[in-house]
PDB file of N, CA and C in Angstrom:
ATOM      1  N   MET A   1     -13.207 -16.888 -15.376  1.00  0.00           N
ATOM      2  CA  MET A   1     -13.384 -16.418 -14.014  1.00  0.00           C
ATOM      3  C   MET A   1     -12.155 -15.646 -13.561  1.00  0.00           C
ATOM      4  N   PRO A   2     -12.348 -14.488 -12.986  1.00  0.00           N
ATOM      5  CA  PRO A   2     -11.187 -13.716 -12.515  1.00  0.00           C
ATOM      6  C   PRO A   2     -10.529 -14.356 -11.291  1.00  0.00           C
ATOM      7  N   ILE A   3      -9.284 -13.986 -11.088  1.00  0.00           N
ATOM      8  CA  ILE A   3      -8.547 -14.447  -9.911  1.00  0.00           C
ATOM      9  C   ILE A   3      -8.389 -13.267  -8.967  1.00  0.00           C
ATOM     10  N   TYR A   4      -8.808 -13.459  -7.728  1.00  0.00           N
ATOM     11  CA  TYR A   4      -8.622 -12.450  -6.683  1.00  0.00           C
ATOM     12  C   TYR A   4      -7.524 -12.965  -5.761  1.00  0.00           C
ATOM     13  N   TYR A   5      -6.566 -12.105  -5.467  1.00  0.00           N
ATOM     14  CA  TYR A   5      -5.456 -12.482  -4.603  1.00  0.00           C
ATOM     15  C   TYR A   5      -5.740 -12.015  -3.182  1.00  0.00           C
ATOM     16  N   GLU A   6      -5.819 -12.972  -2.258  1.00  0.00           N
ATOM     17  CA  GLU A   6      -6.079 -12.655  -0.851  1.00  0.00           C
ATOM     18  C   GLU A   6      -4.755 -12.401  -0.139  1.00  0.00           C
ATOM     19  N   CYS A   7      -4.591 -11.185   0.321  1.00  0.00           N
ATOM     20  CA  CYS A   7      -3.372 -10.792   1.019  1.00  0.00           C
ATOM     21  C   CYS A   7      -3.212 -11.611   2.298  1.00  0.00           C
ATOM     22  N   GLN A   8      -2.003 -12.084   2.531  1.00  0.00           N
ATOM     23  CA  GLN A   8      -1.680 -12.831   3.738  1.00  0.00           C
ATOM     24  C   GLN A   8      -0.877 -11.988   4.726  1.00  0.00           C
ATOM     25  N   ARG A   9      -0.712 -10.714   4.371  1.00  0.00           N
ATOM     26  CA  ARG A   9       0.062  -9.767   5.182  1.00  0.00           C
ATOM     27  C   ARG A   9       1.477 -10.289   5.469  1.00  0.00           C
ATOM     28  N   CYS A  10       2.099 -10.805   4.425  1.00  0.00           N
ATOM     29  CA  CYS A  10       3.462 -11.325   4.542  1.00  0.00           C
ATOM     30  C   CYS A  10       4.493 -10.205   4.620  1.00  0.00           C
ATOM     31  N   THR A  11       4.126  -9.011   4.225  1.00  0.00           N
ATOM     32  CA  THR A  11       4.941  -7.783   4.229  1.00  0.00           C
ATOM     33  C   THR A  11       6.049  -7.780   3.175  1.00  0.00           C
ATOM     34  N   ALA A  12       6.038  -8.731   2.259  1.00  0.00           N
ATOM     35  CA  ALA A  12       7.052  -8.728   1.193  1.00  0.00           C
ATOM     36  C   ALA A  12       6.954  -7.447   0.378  1.00  0.00           C
ATOM     37  N   CYS A  13       5.734  -6.996   0.101  1.00  0.00           N
ATOM     38  CA  CYS A  13       5.561  -5.783  -0.706  1.00  0.00           C
ATOM     39  C   CYS A  13       6.078  -4.545   0.020  1.00  0.00           C
ATOM     40  N   CYS A  14       6.160  -4.598   1.320  1.00  0.00           N
ATOM     41  CA  CYS A  14       6.657  -3.467   2.118  1.00  0.00           C
ATOM     42  C   CYS A  14       8.183  -3.374   2.094  1.00  0.00           C
ATOM     43  N   ARG A  15       8.811  -4.387   1.526  1.00  0.00           N
ATOM     44  CA  ARG A  15      10.273  -4.464   1.501  1.00  0.00           C
ATOM     45  C   ARG A  15      10.855  -4.258   0.110  1.00  0.00           C
ATOM     46  N   TRP A  16       9.986  -4.156  -0.922  1.00  0.00           N
ATOM     47  CA  TRP A  16      10.457  -3.984  -2.287  1.00  0.00           C
ATOM     48  C   TRP A  16      10.916  -2.568  -2.527  1.00  0.00           C
ATOM     49  N   PRO A  17      11.896  -2.395  -3.410  1.00  0.00           N
ATOM     50  CA  PRO A  17      12.302  -1.036  -3.778  1.00  0.00           C
ATOM     51  C   PRO A  17      11.201  -0.362  -4.589  1.00  0.00           C
ATOM     52  N   GLY A  18      11.159   0.913  -4.536  1.00  0.00           N
ATOM     53  CA  GLY A  18      10.161   1.672  -5.281  1.00  0.00           C
ATOM     54  C   GLY A  18       9.647   2.820  -4.445  1.00  0.00           C
ATOM     55  N   GLN A  19       8.476   3.294  -4.803  1.00  0.00           N
ATOM     56  CA  GLN A  19       7.914   4.392  -4.028  1.00  0.00           C
ATOM     57  C   GLN A  19       6.422   4.176  -3.845  1.00  0.00           C
ATOM     58  N   VAL A  20       5.952   4.538  -2.672  1.00  0.00           N
ATOM     59  CA  VAL A  20       4.519   4.486  -2.384  1.00  0.00           C
ATOM     60  C   VAL A  20       3.986   5.901  -2.549  1.00  0.00           C
ATOM     61  N   ARG A  21       3.291   6.106  -3.662  1.00  0.00           N
ATOM     62  CA  ARG A  21       2.725   7.419  -3.962  1.00  0.00           C
ATOM     63  C   ARG A  21       1.570   7.727  -3.018  1.00  0.00           C
ATOM     64  N   LEU A  22       1.462   8.984  -2.648  1.00  0.00           N
ATOM     65  CA  LEU A  22       0.394   9.416  -1.751  1.00  0.00           C
ATOM     66  C   LEU A  22      -0.506  10.429  -2.438  1.00  0.00           C
ATOM     67  N   ALA A  23      -1.798  10.240  -2.302  1.00  0.00           N
ATOM     68  CA  ALA A  23      -2.780  11.212  -2.761  1.00  0.00           C
ATOM     69  C   ALA A  23      -3.277  11.977  -1.525  1.00  0.00           C
ATOM     70  N   ASP A  24      -3.947  13.079  -1.755  1.00  0.00           N
ATOM     71  CA  ASP A  24      -4.447  13.889  -0.641  1.00  0.00           C
ATOM     72  C   ASP A  24      -5.284  13.082   0.356  1.00  0.00           C
ATOM     73  N   PRO A  25      -6.200  12.205  -0.102  1.00  0.00           N
ATOM     74  CA  PRO A  25      -6.971  11.424   0.875  1.00  0.00           C
ATOM     75  C   PRO A  25      -6.093  10.508   1.737  1.00  0.00           C
ATOM     76  N   ASP A  26      -5.017   9.961   1.146  1.00  0.00           N
ATOM     77  CA  ASP A  26      -4.086   9.138   1.925  1.00  0.00           C
ATOM     78  C   ASP A  26      -3.452   9.964   3.033  1.00  0.00           C
ATOM     79  N   ILE A  27      -2.992  11.141   2.683  1.00  0.00           N
ATOM     80  CA  ILE A  27      -2.332  12.023   3.652  1.00  0.00           C
ATOM     81  C   ILE A  27      -3.286  12.381   4.779  1.00  0.00           C
ATOM     82  N   ALA A  28      -4.527  12.712   4.442  1.00  0.00           N
ATOM     83  CA  ALA A  28      -5.517  13.069   5.470  1.00  0.00           C
ATOM     84  C   ALA A  28      -5.790  11.887   6.393  1.00  0.00           C
ATOM     85  N   ARG A  29      -5.998  10.699   5.824  1.00  0.00           N
ATOM     86  CA  ARG A  29      -6.305   9.508   6.622  1.00  0.00           C
ATOM     87  C   ARG A  29      -5.158   9.134   7.551  1.00  0.00           C
ATOM     88  N   ILE A  30      -3.948   9.083   6.987  1.00  0.00           N
ATOM     89  CA  ILE A  30      -2.801   8.623   7.763  1.00  0.00           C
ATOM     90  C   ILE A  30      -2.441   9.638   8.850  1.00  0.00           C
ATOM     91  N   SER A  31      -2.437  10.912   8.516  1.00  0.00           N
ATOM     92  CA  SER A  31      -2.077  11.921   9.523  1.00  0.00           C
ATOM     93  C   SER A  31      -3.085  11.909  10.673  1.00  0.00           C
ATOM     94  N   SER A  32      -4.356  11.778  10.365  1.00  0.00           N
ATOM     95  CA  SER A  32      -5.383  11.710  11.406  1.00  0.00           C
ATOM     96  C   SER A  32      -5.177  10.475  12.285  1.00  0.00           C
ATOM     97  N   PHE A  33      -4.913   9.342  11.658  1.00  0.00           N
ATOM     98  CA  PHE A  33      -4.679   8.087  12.379  1.00  0.00           C
ATOM     99  C   PHE A  33      -3.495   8.217  13.341  1.00  0.00           C
ATOM    100  N   LEU A  34      -2.462   8.921  12.895  1.00  0.00           N
ATOM    101  CA  LEU A  34      -1.255   9.092  13.720  1.00  0.00           C
ATOM    102  C   LEU A  34      -1.377  10.250  14.707  1.00  0.00           C
ATOM    103  N   GLY A  35      -2.469  11.008  14.626  1.00  0.00           N
ATOM    104  CA  GLY A  35      -2.664  12.131  15.530  1.00  0.00           C
ATOM    105  C   GLY A  35      -1.751  13.305  15.210  1.00  0.00           C
ATOM    106  N   LEU A  36      -1.440  13.467  13.930  1.00  0.00           N
ATOM    107  CA  LEU A  36      -0.557  14.546  13.487  1.00  0.00           C
ATOM    108  C   LEU A  36      -1.321  15.490  12.568  1.00  0.00           C
ATOM    109  N   SER A  37      -0.849  16.715  12.480  1.00  0.00           N
ATOM    110  CA  SER A  37      -1.384  17.598  11.451  1.00  0.00           C
ATOM    111  C   SER A  37      -0.856  17.081  10.112  1.00  0.00           C
ATOM    112  N   GLU A  38      -1.524  17.449   9.031  1.00  0.00           N
ATOM    113  CA  GLU A  38      -1.056  17.011   7.719  1.00  0.00           C
ATOM    114  C   GLU A  38       0.341  17.555   7.429  1.00  0.00           C
ATOM    115  N   VAL A  39       0.605  18.768   7.836  1.00  0.00           N
ATOM    116  CA  VAL A  39       1.932  19.370   7.614  1.00  0.00           C
ATOM    117  C   VAL A  39       2.995  18.575   8.369  1.00  0.00           C
ATOM    118  N   ASP A  40       2.731  18.244   9.644  1.00  0.00           N
ATOM    119  CA  ASP A  40       3.706  17.464  10.424  1.00  0.00           C
ATOM    120  C   ASP A  40       3.935  16.084   9.803  1.00  0.00           C
ATOM    121  N   PHE A  41       2.847  15.443   9.379  1.00  0.00           N
ATOM    122  CA  PHE A  41       2.982  14.133   8.735  1.00  0.00           C
ATOM    123  C   PHE A  41       3.855  14.241   7.486  1.00  0.00           C
ATOM    124  N   ILE A  42       3.571  15.225   6.651  1.00  0.00           N
ATOM    125  CA  ILE A  42       4.332  15.411   5.406  1.00  0.00           C
ATOM    126  C   ILE A  42       5.812  15.633   5.707  1.00  0.00           C
ATOM    127  N   GLN A  43       6.100  16.461   6.689  1.00  0.00           N
ATOM    128  CA  GLN A  43       7.501  16.760   7.011  1.00  0.00           C
ATOM    129  C   GLN A  43       8.233  15.555   7.591  1.00  0.00           C
ATOM    130  N   ARG A  44       7.546  14.732   8.357  1.00  0.00           N
ATOM    131  CA  ARG A  44       8.205  13.617   9.037  1.00  0.00           C
ATOM    132  C   ARG A  44       8.280  12.331   8.229  1.00  0.00           C
ATOM    133  N   PHE A  45       7.296  12.094   7.347  1.00  0.00           N
ATOM    134  CA  PHE A  45       7.182  10.775   6.746  1.00  0.00           C
ATOM    135  C   PHE A  45       7.129  10.734   5.223  1.00  0.00           C
ATOM    136  N   THR A  46       7.279  11.863   4.551  1.00  0.00           N
ATOM    137  CA  THR A  46       7.185  11.846   3.093  1.00  0.00           C
ATOM    138  C   THR A  46       8.412  12.460   2.438  1.00  0.00           C
ATOM    139  N   ARG A  47       8.495  12.224   1.147  1.00  0.00           N
ATOM    140  CA  ARG A  47       9.549  12.805   0.313  1.00  0.00           C
ATOM    141  C   ARG A  47       8.929  13.132  -1.034  1.00  0.00           C
ATOM    142  N   LEU A  48       9.618  13.921  -1.801  1.00  0.00           N
ATOM    143  CA  LEU A  48       9.173  14.251  -3.147  1.00  0.00           C
ATOM    144  C   LEU A  48       9.330  13.019  -4.028  1.00  0.00           C
ATOM    145  N   ARG A  49       8.318  12.725  -4.836  1.00  0.00           N
ATOM    146  CA  ARG A  49       8.397  11.588  -5.753  1.00  0.00           C
ATOM    147  C   ARG A  49       9.500  11.818  -6.775  1.00  0.00           C
ATOM    148  N   VAL A  50       9.974  10.743  -7.342  1.00  0.00           N
ATOM    149  CA  VAL A  50      11.045  10.797  -8.340  1.00  0.00           C
ATOM    150  C   VAL A  50      10.661  11.701  -9.505  1.00  0.00           C
ATOM    151  N   ASP A  51       9.391  11.647  -9.929  1.00  0.00           N
ATOM    152  CA  ASP A  51       8.957  12.478 -11.051  1.00  0.00           C
ATOM    153  C   ASP A  51       8.618  13.908 -10.625  1.00  0.00           C
ATOM    154  N   ARG A  52       8.770  14.200  -9.345  1.00  0.00           N
ATOM    155  CA  ARG A  52       8.539  15.521  -8.757  1.00  0.00           C
ATOM    156  C   ARG A  52       7.095  15.989  -8.929  1.00  0.00           C
ATOM    157  N   ARG A  53       6.167  15.043  -9.017  1.00  0.00           N
ATOM    158  CA  ARG A  53       4.759  15.381  -9.225  1.00  0.00           C
ATOM    159  C   ARG A  53       3.893  15.038  -8.020  1.00  0.00           C
ATOM    160  N   GLY A  54       4.481  14.936  -6.881  1.00  0.00           N
ATOM    161  CA  GLY A  54       3.708  14.617  -5.690  1.00  0.00           C
ATOM    162  C   GLY A  54       4.605  14.037  -4.620  1.00  0.00           C
ATOM    163  N   LEU A  55       3.974  13.496  -3.602  1.00  0.00           N
ATOM    164  CA  LEU A  55       4.698  12.954  -2.459  1.00  0.00           C
ATOM    165  C   LEU A  55       4.631  11.434  -2.422  1.00  0.00           C
ATOM    166  N   ALA A  56       5.623  10.850  -1.790  1.00  0.00           N
ATOM    167  CA  ALA A  56       5.678   9.411  -1.553  1.00  0.00           C
ATOM    168  C   ALA A  56       6.126   9.195  -0.118  1.00  0.00           C
ATOM    169  N   LEU A  57       5.832   8.015   0.413  1.00  0.00           N
ATOM    170  CA  LEU A  57       6.318   7.693   1.753  1.00  0.00           C
ATOM    171  C   LEU A  57       7.833   7.568   1.727  1.00  0.00           C
ATOM    172  N   MET A  58       8.463   7.967   2.794  1.00  0.00           N
ATOM    173  CA  MET A  58       9.907   7.761   2.947  1.00  0.00           C
ATOM    174  C   MET A  58      10.163   6.270   3.114  1.00  0.00           C
ATOM    175  N   ASP A  59      11.389   5.884   2.830  1.00  0.00           N
ATOM    176  CA  ASP A  59      11.840   4.521   3.072  1.00  0.00           C
ATOM    177  C   ASP A  59      12.805   4.548   4.251  1.00  0.00           C
ATOM    178  N   LYS A  60      12.950   3.406   4.897  1.00  0.00           N
ATOM    179  CA  LYS A  60      14.014   3.234   5.882  1.00  0.00           C
ATOM    180  C   LYS A  60      15.332   3.120   5.117  1.00  0.00           C
ATOM    181  N   ALA A  61      16.432   3.200   5.805  1.00  0.00           N
ATOM    182  CA  ALA A  61      17.751   3.109   5.162  1.00  0.00           C
ATOM    183  C   ALA A  61      17.919   1.804   4.386  1.00  0.00           C
ATOM    184  N   ASN A  62      17.264   0.734   4.836  1.00  0.00           N
ATOM    185  CA  ASN A  62      17.387  -0.564   4.163  1.00  0.00           C
ATOM    186  C   ASN A  62      16.388  -0.736   3.016  1.00  0.00           C
ATOM    187  N   GLY A  63      15.595   0.299   2.717  1.00  0.00           N
ATOM    188  CA  GLY A  63      14.651   0.257   1.613  1.00  0.00           C
ATOM    189  C   GLY A  63      13.236  -0.134   2.004  1.00  0.00           C
ATOM    190  N   GLU A  64      13.038  -0.588   3.222  1.00  0.00           N
ATOM    191  CA  GLU A  64      11.689  -0.947   3.676  1.00  0.00           C
ATOM    192  C   GLU A  64      10.828   0.296   3.855  1.00  0.00           C
ATOM    193  N   CYS A  65       9.523   0.071   3.857  1.00  0.00           N
ATOM    194  CA  CYS A  65       8.579   1.148   4.142  1.00  0.00           C
ATOM    195  C   CYS A  65       8.828   1.688   5.550  1.00  0.00           C
ATOM    196  N   ILE A  66       8.706   2.972   5.678  1.00  0.00           N
ATOM    197  CA  ILE A  66       8.926   3.624   6.972  1.00  0.00           C
ATOM    198  C   ILE A  66       7.951   3.140   8.043  1.00  0.00           C
ATOM    199  N   PHE A  67       6.805   2.618   7.631  1.00  0.00           N
ATOM    200  CA  PHE A  67       5.800   2.161   8.597  1.00  0.00           C
ATOM    201  C   PHE A  67       5.821   0.651   8.846  1.00  0.00           C
ATOM    202  N   LEU A  68       6.803  -0.049   8.289  1.00  0.00           N
ATOM    203  CA  LEU A  68       6.933  -1.478   8.557  1.00  0.00           C
ATOM    204  C   LEU A  68       7.624  -1.660   9.898  1.00  0.00           C
ATOM    205  N   GLU A  69       6.953  -2.359  10.797  1.00  0.00           N
ATOM    206  CA  GLU A  69       7.508  -2.657  12.125  1.00  0.00           C
ATOM    207  C   GLU A  69       7.570  -4.165  12.267  1.00  0.00           C
ATOM    208  N   GLU A  70       8.779  -4.725  12.130  1.00  0.00           N
ATOM    209  CA  GLU A  70       9.013  -6.162  12.079  1.00  0.00           C
ATOM    210  C   GLU A  70       8.171  -6.752  10.946  1.00  0.00           C
ATOM    211  N   ASN A  71       7.108  -7.475  11.251  1.00  0.00           N
ATOM    212  CA  ASN A  71       6.268  -8.063  10.200  1.00  0.00           C
ATOM    213  C   ASN A  71       4.854  -7.498  10.234  1.00  0.00           C
ATOM    214  N   ASP A  72       4.733  -6.244  10.552  1.00  0.00           N
ATOM    215  CA  ASP A  72       3.409  -5.629  10.624  1.00  0.00           C
ATOM    216  C   ASP A  72       3.476  -4.189  10.132  1.00  0.00           C
ATOM    217  N   CYS A  73       2.360  -3.733   9.579  1.00  0.00           N
ATOM    218  CA  CYS A  73       2.247  -2.362   9.108  1.00  0.00           C
ATOM    219  C   CYS A  73       1.658  -1.499  10.222  1.00  0.00           C
ATOM    220  N   ARG A  74       2.375  -0.494  10.618  1.00  0.00           N
ATOM    221  CA  ARG A  74       1.927   0.407  11.680  1.00  0.00           C
ATOM    222  C   ARG A  74       0.634   1.136  11.306  1.00  0.00           C
ATOM    223  N   ILE A  75       0.400   1.327  10.010  1.00  0.00           N
ATOM    224  CA  ILE A  75      -0.783   2.067   9.564  1.00  0.00           C
ATOM    225  C   ILE A  75      -1.719   1.167   8.746  1.00  0.00           C
ATOM    226  N   GLN A  76      -1.732  -0.123   9.029  1.00  0.00           N
ATOM    227  CA  GLN A  76      -2.536  -1.093   8.269  1.00  0.00           C
ATOM    228  C   GLN A  76      -3.977  -0.626   8.077  1.00  0.00           C
ATOM    229  N   ALA A  77      -4.594  -0.101   9.113  1.00  0.00           N
ATOM    230  CA  ALA A  77      -6.009   0.292   9.041  1.00  0.00           C
ATOM    231  C   ALA A  77      -6.257   1.430   8.055  1.00  0.00           C
ATOM    232  N   VAL A  78      -5.220   2.217   7.767  1.00  0.00           N
ATOM    233  CA  VAL A  78      -5.379   3.397   6.896  1.00  0.00           C
ATOM    234  C   VAL A  78      -4.298   3.454   5.821  1.00  0.00           C
ATOM    235  N   LYS A  79      -3.745   2.318   5.466  1.00  0.00           N
ATOM    236  CA  LYS A  79      -2.622   2.302   4.518  1.00  0.00           C
ATOM    237  C   LYS A  79      -3.001   2.970   3.202  1.00  0.00           C
ATOM    238  N   PRO A  80      -2.004   3.488   2.490  1.00  0.00           N
ATOM    239  CA  PRO A  80      -2.269   4.196   1.227  1.00  0.00           C
ATOM    240  C   PRO A  80      -3.021   3.341   0.210  1.00  0.00           C
ATOM    241  N   GLN A  81      -3.754   4.016  -0.660  1.00  0.00           N
ATOM    242  CA  GLN A  81      -4.530   3.321  -1.690  1.00  0.00           C
ATOM    243  C   GLN A  81      -3.636   2.422  -2.537  1.00  0.00           C
ATOM    244  N   GLN A  82      -2.442   2.884  -2.871  1.00  0.00           N
ATOM    245  CA  GLN A  82      -1.528   2.063  -3.672  1.00  0.00           C
ATOM    246  C   GLN A  82      -1.275   0.724  -2.992  1.00  0.00           C
ATOM    247  N   CYS A  83      -1.109   0.735  -1.693  1.00  0.00           N
ATOM    248  CA  CYS A  83      -0.871  -0.507  -0.940  1.00  0.00           C
ATOM    249  C   CYS A  83      -2.123  -1.383  -0.941  1.00  0.00           C
ATOM    250  N   ARG A  84      -3.279  -0.768  -0.749  1.00  0.00           N
ATOM    251  CA  ARG A  84      -4.532  -1.529  -0.729  1.00  0.00           C
ATOM    252  C   ARG A  84      -4.829  -2.151  -2.089  1.00  0.00           C
ATOM    253  N   ASP A  85      -4.371  -1.522  -3.150  1.00  0.00           N
ATOM    254  CA  ASP A  85      -4.666  -1.997  -4.501  1.00  0.00           C
ATOM    255  C   ASP A  85      -3.790  -3.164  -4.956  1.00  0.00           C
ATOM    256  N   PHE A  86      -2.678  -3.388  -4.301  1.00  0.00           N
ATOM    257  CA  PHE A  86      -1.771  -4.461  -4.710  1.00  0.00           C
ATOM    258  C   PHE A  86      -2.235  -5.792  -4.112  1.00  0.00           C
ATOM    259  N   PRO A  87      -2.224  -6.883  -4.834  1.00  0.00           N
ATOM    260  CA  PRO A  87      -1.833  -7.085  -6.221  1.00  0.00           C
ATOM    261  C   PRO A  87      -3.023  -7.184  -7.181  1.00  0.00           C
ATOM    262  N   ASN A  88      -4.205  -6.811  -6.721  1.00  0.00           N
ATOM    263  CA  ASN A  88      -5.393  -7.000  -7.567  1.00  0.00           C
ATOM    264  C   ASN A  88      -5.630  -5.895  -8.576  1.00  0.00           C
ATOM    265  N   ARG A  89      -5.337  -4.670  -8.249  1.00  0.00           N
ATOM    266  CA  ARG A  89      -5.540  -3.573  -9.202  1.00  0.00           C
ATOM    267  C   ARG A  89      -4.253  -3.231  -9.950  1.00  0.00           C
ATOM    268  N   TRP A  90      -3.126  -3.613  -9.396  1.00  0.00           N
ATOM    269  CA  TRP A  90      -1.853  -3.444 -10.095  1.00  0.00           C
ATOM    270  C   TRP A  90      -0.881  -4.469  -9.546  1.00  0.00           C
ATOM    271  N   ASN A  91       0.059  -4.883 -10.359  1.00  0.00           N
ATOM    272  CA  ASN A  91       1.154  -5.756  -9.946  1.00  0.00           C
ATOM    273  C   ASN A  91       2.221  -5.693 -11.022  1.00  0.00           C
ATOM    274  N   PHE A  92       3.187  -6.561 -10.956  1.00  0.00           N
ATOM    275  CA  PHE A  92       4.274  -6.560 -11.937  1.00  0.00           C
ATOM    276  C   PHE A  92       4.613  -8.004 -12.280  1.00  0.00           C
ATOM    277  N   ALA A  93       5.337  -8.174 -13.342  1.00  0.00           N
ATOM    278  CA  ALA A  93       5.695  -9.513 -13.803  1.00  0.00           C
ATOM    279  C   ALA A  93       6.367 -10.304 -12.682  1.00  0.00           C
ATOM    280  N   ASP A  94       5.920 -11.517 -12.493  1.00  0.00           N
ATOM    281  CA  ASP A  94       6.489 -12.450 -11.515  1.00  0.00           C
ATOM    282  C   ASP A  94       6.306 -12.018 -10.060  1.00  0.00           C
ATOM    283  N   PHE A  95       5.325 -11.160  -9.782  1.00  0.00           N
ATOM    284  CA  PHE A  95       5.122 -10.734  -8.392  1.00  0.00           C
ATOM    285  C   PHE A  95       4.842 -11.929  -7.483  1.00  0.00           C
ATOM    286  N   GLU A  96       4.269 -13.000  -8.066  1.00  0.00           N
ATOM    287  CA  GLU A  96       3.922 -14.180  -7.274  1.00  0.00           C
ATOM    288  C   GLU A  96       5.143 -14.862  -6.659  1.00  0.00           C
ATOM    289  N   LYS A  97       6.331 -14.569  -7.190  1.00  0.00           N
ATOM    290  CA  LYS A  97       7.551 -15.190  -6.667  1.00  0.00           C
ATOM    291  C   LYS A  97       7.930 -14.647  -5.294  1.00  0.00           C
ATOM    292  N   VAL A  98       7.461 -13.451  -4.962  1.00  0.00           N
ATOM    293  CA  VAL A  98       7.788 -12.873  -3.657  1.00  0.00           C
ATOM    294  C   VAL A  98       6.560 -12.589  -2.799  1.00  0.00           C
ATOM    295  N   CYS A  99       5.422 -12.405  -3.431  1.00  0.00           N
ATOM    296  CA  CYS A  99       4.182 -12.100  -2.723  1.00  0.00           C
ATOM    297  C   CYS A  99       3.485 -13.405  -2.348  1.00  0.00           C
ATOM    298  N   HIS A 100       3.032 -13.507  -1.124  1.00  0.00           N
ATOM    299  CA  HIS A 100       2.384 -14.724  -0.646  1.00  0.00           C
ATOM    300  C   HIS A 100       0.862 -14.668  -0.702  1.00  0.00           C
ATOM    301  N   ALA A 101       0.306 -13.699  -1.428  1.00  0.00           N
ATOM    302  CA  ALA A 101      -1.147 -13.623  -1.562  1.00  0.00           C
ATOM    303  C   ALA A 101      -1.661 -14.919  -2.193  1.00  0.00           C
ATOM    304  N   VAL A 102      -2.802 -15.368  -1.712  1.00  0.00           N
ATOM    305  CA  VAL A 102      -3.384 -16.628  -2.173  1.00  0.00           C
ATOM    306  C   VAL A 102      -4.356 -16.355  -3.321  1.00  0.00           C
ATOM    307  N   PRO A 103      -4.094 -16.936  -4.510  1.00  0.00           N
ATOM    308  CA  PRO A 103      -5.004 -16.737  -5.636  1.00  0.00           C
ATOM    309  C   PRO A 103      -6.284 -17.547  -5.441  1.00  0.00           C
ATOM    310  N   ARG A 104      -7.405 -16.898  -5.742  1.00  0.00           N
ATOM    311  CA  ARG A 104      -8.699 -17.571  -5.589  1.00  0.00           C
ATOM    312  C   ARG A 104      -9.572 -17.199  -6.771  1.00  0.00           C
ATOM    313  N   ARG A 105     -10.081 -18.190  -7.480  1.00  0.00           N
ATOM    314  CA  ARG A 105     -11.015 -17.941  -8.578  1.00  0.00           C
ATOM    315  C   ARG A 105     -12.364 -17.571  -7.994  1.00  0.00           C
ATOM    316  N   VAL A 106     -12.902 -16.453  -8.494  1.00  0.00           N
ATOM    317  CA  VAL A 106     -14.195 -15.972  -8.013  1.00  0.00           C
ATOM    318  C   VAL A 106     -15.038 -15.541  -9.206  1.00  0.00           C
ATOM    319  N   SER A 107     -16.318 -15.433  -8.981  1.00  0.00           N
ATOM    320  CA  SER A 107     -17.191 -14.949 -10.047  1.00  0.00           C
ATOM    321  C   SER A 107     -16.892 -13.477 -10.308  1.00  0.00           C
ATOM    322  N   GLU A 108     -17.313 -13.001 -11.449  1.00  0.00           N
ATOM    323  CA  GLU A 108     -17.120 -11.583 -11.795  1.00  0.00           C
ATOM    324  C   GLU A 108     -17.770 -10.684 -10.759  1.00  0.00           C
ATOM    325  N   GLU A 109     -18.953 -11.049 -10.309  1.00  0.00           N
ATOM    326  CA  GLU A 109     -19.675 -10.240  -9.320  1.00  0.00           C
ATOM    327  C   GLU A 109     -18.914 -10.166  -7.994  1.00  0.00           C
ATOM    328  N   VAL A 110     -18.427 -11.301  -7.542  1.00  0.00           N
ATOM    329  CA  VAL A 110     -17.663 -11.340  -6.290  1.00  0.00           C
ATOM    330  C   VAL A 110     -16.373 -10.542  -6.439  1.00  0.00           C
ATOM    331  N   TYR A 111     -15.717 -10.687  -7.587  1.00  0.00           N
ATOM    332  CA  TYR A 111     -14.474  -9.950  -7.837  1.00  0.00           C
ATOM    333  C   TYR A 111     -14.703  -8.446  -7.732  1.00  0.00           C
ATOM    334  N   VAL A 112     -15.752  -7.960  -8.374  1.00  0.00           N
ATOM    335  CA  VAL A 112     -16.073  -6.523  -8.346  1.00  0.00           C
ATOM    336  C   VAL A 112     -16.349  -6.081  -6.916  1.00  0.00           C
ATOM    337  N   GLU A 113     -17.097  -6.870  -6.170  1.00  0.00           N
ATOM    338  CA  GLU A 113     -17.412  -6.517  -4.776  1.00  0.00           C
ATOM    339  C   GLU A 113     -16.148  -6.510  -3.910  1.00  0.00           C
ATOM    340  N   LEU A 114     -15.274  -7.474  -4.108  1.00  0.00           N
ATOM    341  CA  LEU A 114     -14.030  -7.501  -3.347  1.00  0.00           C
ATOM    342  C   LEU A 114     -13.169  -6.274  -3.646  1.00  0.00           C
ATOM    343  N   LEU A 115     -13.091  -5.889  -4.916  1.00  0.00           N
ATOM    344  CA  LEU A 115     -12.319  -4.700  -5.268  1.00  0.00           C
ATOM    345  C   LEU A 115     -12.950  -3.441  -4.662  1.00  0.00           C
ATOM    346  N   LYS A 116     -14.261  -3.353  -4.665  1.00  0.00           N
ATOM    347  CA  LYS A 116     -14.951  -2.196  -4.068  1.00  0.00           C
ATOM    348  C   LYS A 116     -14.658  -2.117  -2.571  1.00  0.00           C
ATOM    349  N   SER A 117     -14.616  -3.255  -1.907  1.00  0.00           N
ATOM    350  CA  SER A 117     -14.383  -3.256  -0.462  1.00  0.00           C
ATOM    351  C   SER A 117     -12.977  -2.789  -0.111  1.00  0.00           C
ATOM    352  N   ARG A 118     -12.047  -2.833  -1.054  1.00  0.00           N
ATOM    353  CA  ARG A 118     -10.668  -2.385  -0.836  1.00  0.00           C
ATOM    354  C   ARG A 118     -10.442  -0.953  -1.297  1.00  0.00           C
ATOM    355  N   ALA A 119     -11.444  -0.400  -1.958  1.00  0.00           N
ATOM    356  CA  ALA A 119     -11.303   0.963  -2.506  1.00  0.00           C
ATOM    357  C   ALA A 119     -11.550   1.994  -1.424  1.00  0.00           C
ATOM    358  N   ASP A 120     -11.147   3.183  -1.740  1.00  0.00           N
ATOM    359  CA  ASP A 120     -11.293   4.313  -0.820  1.00  0.00           C
ATOM    360  C   ASP A 120     -12.743   4.663  -0.590  1.00  0.00           C
TER     361      ASP A 120
END
């Protein structure tokens, strides 16, 4: 039986070093949500990815996500696909040590449906 991790919105993942890659649909969704043109959103909130193959969200000076406000995500309703996919579609070794998502054994059918509900 697969394990589905239920996010508790602890925001630990918003504080890890790294980069949140953005795809065109992410940019369209987030800019619309913020009431900005895509160009304005890109100029204010993104940077070139390390591999120079696209854009990523900027970080705050302390390494947190630019959209983390105390313990809440300012763009939770439209957060990037990479954020929505963690930790069920991707994660890293020992992520459970910092992530407070609750593991739950589910049937294969339920697992597939849960993943679909988090997809774009």
